[in-house]
Amino acid sequence: MADHCGICDTRRPDGGTKHLVLNDGDLWIEFCASCGEETMLTNDETGETISVQALYDRCKTNNEEIH
């Protein structure tokens, strides 16, 4: 990948980027460390709010496919 944060639009941020793949591959979020901690996502069905990084960590812990 391009090592480009899709949230803050920074190319080659310190520490690189991670990829969170959601909705069976329909949604890819490439994010840097600071955006991962600051950017929140909300589950429309449950109302749960979680940071991009926390969801990435949860998926990794649950052995779901992440990049």
N, C-alpha and C. Protein backbone atom coordinates (compact mmCIF):
# COMPACT_ATOMS: atom_id res chain seq x y z
N MET A 1 0.83 -1.18 0.00
CA MET A 1 0.00 0.00 0.00
C MET A 1 0.88 1.25 0.00
N ALA A 2 0.24 2.36 -0.15
CA ALA A 2 0.95 3.63 -0.34
C ALA A 2 1.47 4.24 0.95
N ASP A 3 1.15 3.66 2.12
CA ASP A 3 1.53 4.25 3.40
C ASP A 3 1.01 5.69 3.47
N HIS A 4 -0.29 5.81 3.27
CA HIS A 4 -0.97 7.09 3.20
C HIS A 4 -2.21 7.04 4.08
N CYS A 5 -2.24 7.85 5.13
CA CYS A 5 -3.39 7.87 6.03
C CYS A 5 -4.58 8.48 5.29
N GLY A 6 -5.65 7.70 5.18
CA GLY A 6 -6.85 8.17 4.50
C GLY A 6 -7.69 9.11 5.34
N ILE A 7 -7.34 9.26 6.61
CA ILE A 7 -8.12 10.14 7.49
C ILE A 7 -7.52 11.55 7.51
N CYS A 8 -6.22 11.66 7.79
CA CYS A 8 -5.59 12.99 7.85
C CYS A 8 -4.87 13.36 6.55
N ASP A 9 -4.88 12.44 5.58
CA ASP A 9 -4.29 12.68 4.26
C ASP A 9 -2.78 12.94 4.33
N THR A 10 -2.09 12.25 5.25
CA THR A 10 -0.65 12.38 5.40
C THR A 10 0.03 11.22 4.70
N ARG A 11 1.01 11.52 3.86
CA ARG A 11 1.79 10.48 3.20
C ARG A 11 2.98 10.13 4.09
N ARG A 12 3.19 8.83 4.27
CA ARG A 12 4.29 8.30 5.07
C ARG A 12 4.37 8.92 6.47
N PRO A 13 3.30 8.81 7.24
CA PRO A 13 3.32 9.35 8.61
C PRO A 13 4.30 8.58 9.48
N ASP A 14 4.76 9.19 10.56
CA ASP A 14 5.64 8.51 11.50
C ASP A 14 4.99 7.21 11.95
N GLY A 15 5.73 6.13 11.88
CA GLY A 15 5.21 4.83 12.29
C GLY A 15 4.42 4.11 11.23
N GLY A 16 4.23 4.72 10.07
CA GLY A 16 3.50 4.07 8.99
C GLY A 16 2.00 4.06 9.21
N THR A 17 1.34 3.16 8.52
CA THR A 17 -0.11 3.05 8.62
C THR A 17 -0.53 1.60 8.83
N LYS A 18 -1.77 1.43 9.24
CA LYS A 18 -2.40 0.11 9.38
C LYS A 18 -3.65 0.11 8.52
N HIS A 19 -4.15 -1.08 8.22
CA HIS A 19 -5.35 -1.21 7.40
C HIS A 19 -6.42 -1.97 8.17
N LEU A 20 -7.60 -1.41 8.23
CA LEU A 20 -8.75 -2.06 8.84
C LEU A 20 -9.75 -2.31 7.71
N VAL A 21 -10.09 -3.59 7.51
CA VAL A 21 -11.01 -3.97 6.43
C VAL A 21 -12.33 -4.38 7.07
N LEU A 22 -13.40 -3.71 6.66
CA LEU A 22 -14.72 -3.93 7.25
C LEU A 22 -15.75 -4.29 6.17
N ASN A 23 -16.91 -4.74 6.61
CA ASN A 23 -18.04 -5.02 5.71
C ASN A 23 -17.66 -5.97 4.58
N ASP A 24 -17.03 -7.09 4.95
CA ASP A 24 -16.63 -8.11 3.97
C ASP A 24 -15.77 -7.55 2.84
N GLY A 25 -14.91 -6.58 3.17
CA GLY A 25 -13.99 -6.02 2.20
C GLY A 25 -14.51 -4.82 1.44
N ASP A 26 -15.74 -4.38 1.71
CA ASP A 26 -16.30 -3.22 1.02
C ASP A 26 -15.72 -1.90 1.53
N LEU A 27 -15.22 -1.88 2.76
CA LEU A 27 -14.70 -0.65 3.36
C LEU A 27 -13.30 -0.90 3.90
N TRP A 28 -12.32 -0.18 3.35
CA TRP A 28 -10.93 -0.25 3.80
C TRP A 28 -10.58 1.09 4.43
N ILE A 29 -10.03 1.04 5.64
CA ILE A 29 -9.60 2.27 6.31
C ILE A 29 -8.09 2.14 6.55
N GLU A 30 -7.32 3.00 5.90
CA GLU A 30 -5.88 3.07 6.13
C GLU A 30 -5.67 4.25 7.07
N PHE A 31 -5.00 3.99 8.21
CA PHE A 31 -4.90 5.03 9.23
C PHE A 31 -3.53 5.04 9.89
N CYS A 32 -3.14 6.23 10.36
CA CYS A 32 -1.90 6.39 11.12
C CYS A 32 -2.23 6.25 12.61
N ALA A 33 -1.22 6.20 13.44
CA ALA A 33 -1.41 5.98 14.88
C ALA A 33 -2.30 7.05 15.52
N SER A 34 -2.02 8.31 15.25
CA SER A 34 -2.80 9.36 15.91
C SER A 34 -4.25 9.37 15.44
N CYS A 35 -4.50 9.17 14.17
CA CYS A 35 -5.88 9.13 13.68
C CYS A 35 -6.60 7.90 14.19
N GLY A 36 -5.89 6.79 14.33
CA GLY A 36 -6.51 5.57 14.85
C GLY A 36 -7.03 5.75 16.26
N GLU A 37 -6.33 6.53 17.06
CA GLU A 37 -6.76 6.77 18.44
C GLU A 37 -7.86 7.83 18.52
N GLU A 38 -7.84 8.81 17.63
CA GLU A 38 -8.76 9.94 17.71
C GLU A 38 -10.07 9.73 16.94
N THR A 39 -10.04 8.95 15.88
CA THR A 39 -11.21 8.80 15.02
C THR A 39 -12.14 7.72 15.57
N MET A 40 -13.39 8.08 15.74
CA MET A 40 -14.38 7.18 16.32
C MET A 40 -15.34 6.67 15.24
N LEU A 41 -15.73 5.42 15.38
CA LEU A 41 -16.72 4.80 14.50
C LEU A 41 -17.92 4.42 15.36
N THR A 42 -19.11 4.49 14.79
CA THR A 42 -20.32 4.12 15.52
C THR A 42 -21.05 3.01 14.77
N ASN A 43 -21.39 1.95 15.48
CA ASN A 43 -22.18 0.86 14.94
C ASN A 43 -23.64 1.32 14.90
N ASP A 44 -24.20 1.42 13.70
CA ASP A 44 -25.57 1.90 13.55
C ASP A 44 -26.59 0.98 14.21
N GLU A 45 -26.30 -0.31 14.27
CA GLU A 45 -27.25 -1.26 14.84
C GLU A 45 -27.27 -1.24 16.37
N THR A 46 -26.07 -1.11 16.98
CA THR A 46 -25.98 -1.20 18.44
C THR A 46 -25.76 0.14 19.13
N GLY A 47 -25.31 1.14 18.36
CA GLY A 47 -24.99 2.43 18.94
C GLY A 47 -23.62 2.48 19.60
N GLU A 48 -22.89 1.35 19.59
CA GLU A 48 -21.55 1.30 20.19
C GLU A 48 -20.60 2.22 19.43
N THR A 49 -19.82 2.99 20.17
CA THR A 49 -18.80 3.86 19.60
C THR A 49 -17.44 3.34 20.03
N ILE A 50 -16.51 3.27 19.06
CA ILE A 50 -15.18 2.73 19.32
C ILE A 50 -14.18 3.42 18.40
N SER A 51 -12.94 3.56 18.87
CA SER A 51 -11.91 4.17 18.02
C SER A 51 -11.49 3.17 16.95
N VAL A 52 -10.98 3.70 15.86
CA VAL A 52 -10.50 2.85 14.76
C VAL A 52 -9.42 1.90 15.29
N GLN A 53 -8.50 2.40 16.12
CA GLN A 53 -7.43 1.56 16.66
C GLN A 53 -7.98 0.46 17.56
N ALA A 54 -8.95 0.79 18.41
CA ALA A 54 -9.53 -0.22 19.30
C ALA A 54 -10.24 -1.31 18.51
N LEU A 55 -10.93 -0.94 17.44
CA LEU A 55 -11.59 -1.93 16.60
C LEU A 55 -10.56 -2.79 15.89
N TYR A 56 -9.50 -2.18 15.41
CA TYR A 56 -8.39 -2.91 14.79
C TYR A 56 -7.82 -3.93 15.78
N ASP A 57 -7.57 -3.48 17.01
CA ASP A 57 -7.04 -4.38 18.05
C ASP A 57 -8.02 -5.50 18.37
N ARG A 58 -9.30 -5.18 18.44
CA ARG A 58 -10.33 -6.19 18.73
C ARG A 58 -10.36 -7.25 17.63
N CYS A 59 -10.29 -6.81 16.39
CA CYS A 59 -10.29 -7.76 15.27
C CYS A 59 -9.06 -8.65 15.31
N LYS A 60 -7.92 -8.06 15.63
CA LYS A 60 -6.68 -8.81 15.70
C LYS A 60 -6.76 -9.85 16.82
N THR A 61 -7.32 -9.47 17.96
CA THR A 61 -7.48 -10.38 19.09
C THR A 61 -8.43 -11.53 18.76
N ASN A 62 -9.46 -11.23 17.99
CA ASN A 62 -10.44 -12.24 17.60
C ASN A 62 -10.02 -13.03 16.37
N ASN A 63 -8.80 -12.79 15.88
CA ASN A 63 -8.25 -13.49 14.72
C ASN A 63 -9.07 -13.29 13.45
N GLU A 64 -9.74 -12.16 13.36
CA GLU A 64 -10.46 -11.84 12.14
C GLU A 64 -9.45 -11.32 11.13
N GLU A 65 -9.83 -11.30 9.87
CA GLU A 65 -8.92 -10.86 8.84
C GLU A 65 -8.75 -9.35 8.89
N ILE A 66 -7.52 -8.91 9.11
CA ILE A 66 -7.17 -7.49 9.06
C ILE A 66 -5.87 -7.38 8.30
N HIS A 67 -5.58 -6.20 7.80
CA HIS A 67 -4.36 -5.96 7.04
C HIS A 67 -3.64 -4.77 7.61
